[in-house]
């Protein structure tokens, strides 16, 4: 029973850390990767459209 409780508590901590670090609205890793990808796509499209 104690092992199950510890496992559940560790899963809750992992979920909370994921929400705080990865999927935070504007400063999370996901949004930073998305903004860098958008900037790269813009640069690539301008390079391809310019003769």
N, C-alpha and C. Protein backbone atom coordinates (compact mmCIF):
# COMPACT_ATOMS: atom_id res chain seq x y z
N UNK A 1 0.83 -1.20 0.00
CA UNK A 1 0.00 0.00 0.00
C UNK A 1 0.87 1.27 0.00
N UNK A 2 1.98 1.21 0.74
CA UNK A 2 2.86 2.36 0.81
C UNK A 2 3.53 2.62 -0.54
N UNK A 3 3.90 1.57 -1.25
CA UNK A 3 4.54 1.73 -2.56
C UNK A 3 3.59 2.37 -3.56
N UNK A 4 2.34 2.01 -3.49
CA UNK A 4 1.34 2.60 -4.40
C UNK A 4 1.18 4.08 -4.09
N UNK A 5 1.14 4.44 -2.83
CA UNK A 5 0.99 5.84 -2.44
C UNK A 5 2.20 6.66 -2.91
N UNK A 6 3.39 6.14 -2.74
CA UNK A 6 4.60 6.84 -3.18
C UNK A 6 4.59 7.00 -4.70
N UNK A 7 4.17 5.96 -5.41
CA UNK A 7 4.10 6.03 -6.88
C UNK A 7 3.11 7.09 -7.33
N UNK A 8 1.95 7.12 -6.72
CA UNK A 8 0.93 8.11 -7.08
C UNK A 8 1.43 9.52 -6.77
N UNK A 9 2.08 9.71 -5.64
CA UNK A 9 2.60 11.03 -5.29
C UNK A 9 3.69 11.46 -6.27
N UNK A 10 4.53 10.54 -6.70
CA UNK A 10 5.57 10.88 -7.67
C UNK A 10 4.96 11.25 -9.02
N UNK A 11 3.91 10.56 -9.41
CA UNK A 11 3.23 10.90 -10.66
C UNK A 11 2.61 12.29 -10.59
N UNK A 12 2.03 12.63 -9.45
CA UNK A 12 1.45 13.97 -9.28
C UNK A 12 2.54 15.03 -9.39
N UNK A 13 3.69 14.78 -8.79
CA UNK A 13 4.80 15.74 -8.87
C UNK A 13 5.26 15.89 -10.31
N UNK A 14 5.36 14.79 -11.04
CA UNK A 14 5.78 14.86 -12.44
C UNK A 14 4.78 15.66 -13.26
N UNK A 15 3.50 15.44 -13.02
CA UNK A 15 2.47 16.19 -13.76
C UNK A 15 2.56 17.67 -13.44
N UNK A 16 2.74 18.01 -12.18
CA UNK A 16 2.85 19.42 -11.80
C UNK A 16 4.09 20.07 -12.41
N UNK A 17 5.21 19.36 -12.40
CA UNK A 17 6.42 19.90 -13.02
C UNK A 17 6.24 20.08 -14.52
N UNK A 18 5.59 19.12 -15.18
CA UNK A 18 5.35 19.23 -16.61
C UNK A 18 4.52 20.47 -16.91
N UNK A 19 3.47 20.67 -16.13
CA UNK A 19 2.62 21.84 -16.36
C UNK A 19 3.36 23.14 -16.09
N UNK A 20 4.25 23.14 -15.11
CA UNK A 20 4.96 24.37 -14.76
C UNK A 20 6.09 24.68 -15.73
N UNK A 21 6.73 23.66 -16.29
CA UNK A 21 7.92 23.89 -17.11
C UNK A 21 7.61 23.83 -18.59
N UNK A 22 6.93 22.80 -19.03
CA UNK A 22 6.76 22.57 -20.46
C UNK A 22 5.58 23.35 -21.04
N UNK A 23 4.43 23.23 -20.46
CA UNK A 23 3.23 23.76 -21.11
C UNK A 23 2.72 25.05 -20.49
N UNK A 24 3.60 25.84 -19.89
CA UNK A 24 3.21 27.14 -19.37
C UNK A 24 2.87 28.05 -20.55
N UNK A 25 1.93 28.97 -20.37
CA UNK A 25 1.36 29.73 -21.49
C UNK A 25 2.39 30.45 -22.35
N UNK A 26 3.11 31.40 -21.80
CA UNK A 26 3.99 32.22 -22.64
C UNK A 26 5.47 31.95 -22.42
N UNK A 27 5.84 31.43 -21.27
CA UNK A 27 7.26 31.23 -20.99
C UNK A 27 7.65 29.76 -20.95
N UNK A 28 6.73 28.88 -21.27
CA UNK A 28 7.04 27.46 -21.24
C UNK A 28 7.88 27.03 -22.44
N UNK A 29 8.45 25.86 -22.32
CA UNK A 29 9.31 25.34 -23.37
C UNK A 29 8.55 25.16 -24.68
N UNK A 30 7.31 24.71 -24.59
CA UNK A 30 6.51 24.49 -25.80
C UNK A 30 6.31 25.79 -26.57
N UNK A 31 5.98 26.87 -25.89
CA UNK A 31 5.75 28.14 -26.59
C UNK A 31 7.06 28.71 -27.13
N UNK A 32 8.16 28.49 -26.43
CA UNK A 32 9.45 28.97 -26.94
C UNK A 32 9.86 28.22 -28.20
N UNK A 33 9.66 26.91 -28.21
CA UNK A 33 9.97 26.13 -29.40
C UNK A 33 9.07 26.54 -30.56
N UNK A 34 7.81 26.78 -30.26
CA UNK A 34 6.87 27.18 -31.31
C UNK A 34 7.25 28.54 -31.88
N UNK A 35 7.63 29.49 -31.04
CA UNK A 35 7.99 30.81 -31.55
C UNK A 35 9.28 30.75 -32.37
N UNK A 36 10.24 29.94 -31.95
CA UNK A 36 11.47 29.79 -32.73
C UNK A 36 11.17 29.11 -34.07
N UNK A 37 10.28 28.13 -34.06
CA UNK A 37 9.90 27.47 -35.30
C UNK A 37 9.19 28.41 -36.26
N UNK A 38 8.32 29.25 -35.72
CA UNK A 38 7.63 30.24 -36.55
C UNK A 38 8.62 31.23 -37.16
N UNK A 39 9.59 31.65 -36.36
CA UNK A 39 10.60 32.58 -36.88
C UNK A 39 11.43 31.91 -37.97
N UNK A 40 11.78 30.65 -37.79
CA UNK A 40 12.54 29.92 -38.81
C UNK A 40 11.72 29.75 -40.07
N UNK A 41 10.44 29.44 -39.95
CA UNK A 41 9.57 29.31 -41.12
C UNK A 41 9.47 30.62 -41.88
N UNK A 42 9.38 31.73 -41.15
CA UNK A 42 9.31 33.04 -41.80
C UNK A 42 10.59 33.33 -42.57
N UNK A 43 11.74 33.04 -41.95
CA UNK A 43 13.02 33.29 -42.63
C UNK A 43 13.15 32.42 -43.88
N UNK A 44 12.75 31.17 -43.78
CA UNK A 44 12.84 30.26 -44.91
C UNK A 44 11.92 30.71 -46.04
N UNK A 45 10.70 31.12 -45.68
CA UNK A 45 9.77 31.54 -46.73
C UNK A 45 10.24 32.82 -47.41
N UNK A 46 10.86 33.76 -46.66
CA UNK A 46 11.37 34.97 -47.29
C UNK A 46 12.57 34.65 -48.18
N UNK A 47 13.38 33.68 -47.78
CA UNK A 47 14.52 33.31 -48.61
C UNK A 47 14.06 32.63 -49.88
N UNK A 48 12.99 31.86 -49.82
CA UNK A 48 12.50 31.16 -51.01
C UNK A 48 11.75 32.08 -51.96
N UNK A 49 11.08 33.09 -51.40
CA UNK A 49 10.28 33.97 -52.26
C UNK A 49 11.13 35.07 -52.89
N UNK A 50 12.30 35.34 -52.34
CA UNK A 50 13.18 36.36 -52.90
C UNK A 50 14.05 35.73 -54.00
N UNK A 51 14.01 36.31 -55.23
CA UNK A 51 14.80 35.70 -56.32
C UNK A 51 16.29 35.90 -56.18
